[in-house]
Amino acid sequence: MRSVLLVENDPDLCLTLGDILQATGYQVLSAEHGAAALPLIRASPDAFIVLIEDSLPQMDGQHLLAALAALPDLVQQLQVGIVGMPFDLDDFLHAVAAAARHLDAPA
């Protein structure tokens, strides 16, 4: 089961997206902002998908991307996407599926 980390500061949206992703077969983790996401990313032994809202408190999406780029050994295990608001749910789910396929492809 592929894991998805949702980095989103709106708890209702995060819960809704998490429920939808779980129903489609993903394990879902969440963090309110980039600073809370980094320890979850570092602690994960498996590759996973990180979906980030760009406008977050404490550490926004762009700063989280910069922090991840500084961890080259970890970055190879991630598929990262910035989610702009508003977005189409079908496009969102297709993007997650494409990221999962990319991670599952042979190196």
Protein backbone atom coordinates (compact mmCIF):
# COMPACT_ATOMS: atom_id res chain seq x y z
CA MET A 1 0.00 0.00 0.00
CA ARG A 2 1.50 3.33 -1.09
CA SER A 3 1.59 6.12 1.52
CA VAL A 4 0.54 9.71 0.93
CA LEU A 5 1.48 12.61 3.18
CA LEU A 6 -1.01 15.49 2.99
CA VAL A 7 0.49 18.78 4.12
CA GLU A 8 -2.58 20.95 4.58
CA ASN A 9 -3.57 23.40 7.31
CA ASP A 10 -7.34 23.13 6.82
CA PRO A 11 -8.35 20.18 9.04
CA ASP A 12 -11.69 19.63 7.28
CA LEU A 13 -10.11 19.52 3.82
CA CYS A 14 -7.31 17.29 5.09
CA LEU A 15 -9.82 14.86 6.63
CA THR A 16 -11.95 14.79 3.47
CA LEU A 17 -9.00 14.24 1.15
CA GLY A 18 -7.57 11.67 3.54
CA ASP A 19 -10.85 9.72 3.57
CA ILE A 20 -11.01 9.78 -0.24
CA LEU A 21 -7.39 8.64 -0.58
CA GLN A 22 -7.90 5.86 1.97
CA ALA A 23 -10.99 4.68 0.10
CA THR A 24 -8.87 4.41 -3.06
CA GLY A 25 -6.25 2.29 -1.31
CA TYR A 26 -3.65 4.68 0.07
CA GLN A 27 -2.32 4.94 3.60
CA VAL A 28 -2.62 8.60 4.61
CA LEU A 29 -0.48 10.68 6.94
CA SER A 30 -1.03 14.38 7.51
CA ALA A 31 0.77 17.45 8.76
CA GLU A 32 -0.50 21.02 9.23
CA HIS A 33 2.62 22.66 7.76
CA GLY A 34 6.05 21.95 6.37
CA ALA A 35 7.81 22.03 9.73
CA ALA A 36 5.50 19.26 10.98
CA ALA A 37 5.92 17.29 7.73
CA LEU A 38 9.73 17.06 7.78
CA PRO A 39 9.98 14.66 10.76
CA LEU A 40 7.31 12.42 9.19
CA ILE A 41 9.23 12.34 5.91
CA ARG A 42 12.55 11.64 7.63
CA ALA A 43 11.03 8.85 9.76
CA SER A 44 9.48 6.97 6.85
CA PRO A 45 11.47 3.98 5.64
CA ASP A 46 9.35 3.70 2.50
CA ALA A 47 8.92 5.87 -0.53
CA PHE A 48 5.78 7.93 -0.59
CA ILE A 49 3.91 10.79 -2.17
CA VAL A 50 3.88 14.24 -0.54
CA LEU A 51 1.09 16.63 -1.48
CA ILE A 52 1.64 20.17 -0.27
CA GLU A 53 -0.60 23.20 -0.21
CA ASP A 54 1.63 26.12 -1.10
CA SER A 55 0.26 28.67 1.38
CA LEU A 56 0.93 27.12 4.79
CA PRO A 57 1.82 28.65 8.16
CA GLN A 58 5.31 28.26 9.68
CA MET A 59 6.85 26.58 6.59
CA ASP A 60 5.06 26.99 3.27
CA GLY A 61 5.22 24.63 0.32
CA GLN A 62 8.16 26.32 -1.39
CA HIS A 63 10.26 26.27 1.79
CA LEU A 64 9.39 22.62 2.38
CA LEU A 65 10.50 21.80 -1.18
CA ALA A 66 13.81 23.58 -0.53
CA ALA A 67 14.29 21.64 2.71
CA LEU A 68 13.59 18.36 0.90
CA ALA A 69 16.03 19.23 -1.88
CA ALA A 70 18.73 19.48 0.81
CA LEU A 71 18.17 15.78 1.61
CA PRO A 72 19.29 14.10 -1.64
CA ASP A 73 19.25 10.53 -0.29
CA LEU A 74 15.63 10.98 0.77
CA VAL A 75 14.41 12.93 -2.24
CA GLN A 76 14.83 9.89 -4.52
CA GLN A 77 12.11 8.12 -2.53
CA LEU A 78 9.55 10.90 -2.88
CA GLN A 79 7.08 12.18 -5.42
CA VAL A 80 6.16 15.71 -4.40
CA GLY A 81 3.32 17.83 -5.70
CA ILE A 82 2.11 21.32 -4.90
CA VAL A 83 -1.67 21.46 -4.78
CA GLY A 84 -3.18 24.76 -5.83
CA MET A 85 -6.63 25.76 -4.64
CA PRO A 86 -9.22 25.22 -5.95
CA PHE A 87 -8.56 21.91 -7.71
CA ASP A 88 -10.53 19.26 -9.52
CA LEU A 89 -10.87 16.06 -7.46
CA ASP A 90 -10.52 13.76 -10.47
CA ASP A 91 -7.34 15.56 -11.57
CA PHE A 92 -6.04 15.31 -8.00
CA LEU A 93 -6.65 11.53 -7.85
CA HIS A 94 -5.11 11.00 -11.30
CA ALA A 95 -2.00 12.93 -10.20
CA VAL A 96 -1.68 10.79 -7.06
CA ALA A 97 -2.05 7.60 -9.11
CA ALA A 98 0.58 8.80 -11.61
CA ALA A 99 2.99 9.58 -8.77
CA ALA A 100 2.44 6.11 -7.28
CA ARG A 101 3.11 4.49 -10.67
CA HIS A 102 6.33 6.49 -10.97
CA LEU A 103 7.50 5.31 -7.55
CA ASP A 104 6.63 1.71 -8.41
CA ALA A 105 8.48 1.77 -11.74
CA PRO A 106 11.79 -0.08 -11.87
CA ALA A 107 14.80 2.16 -11.44
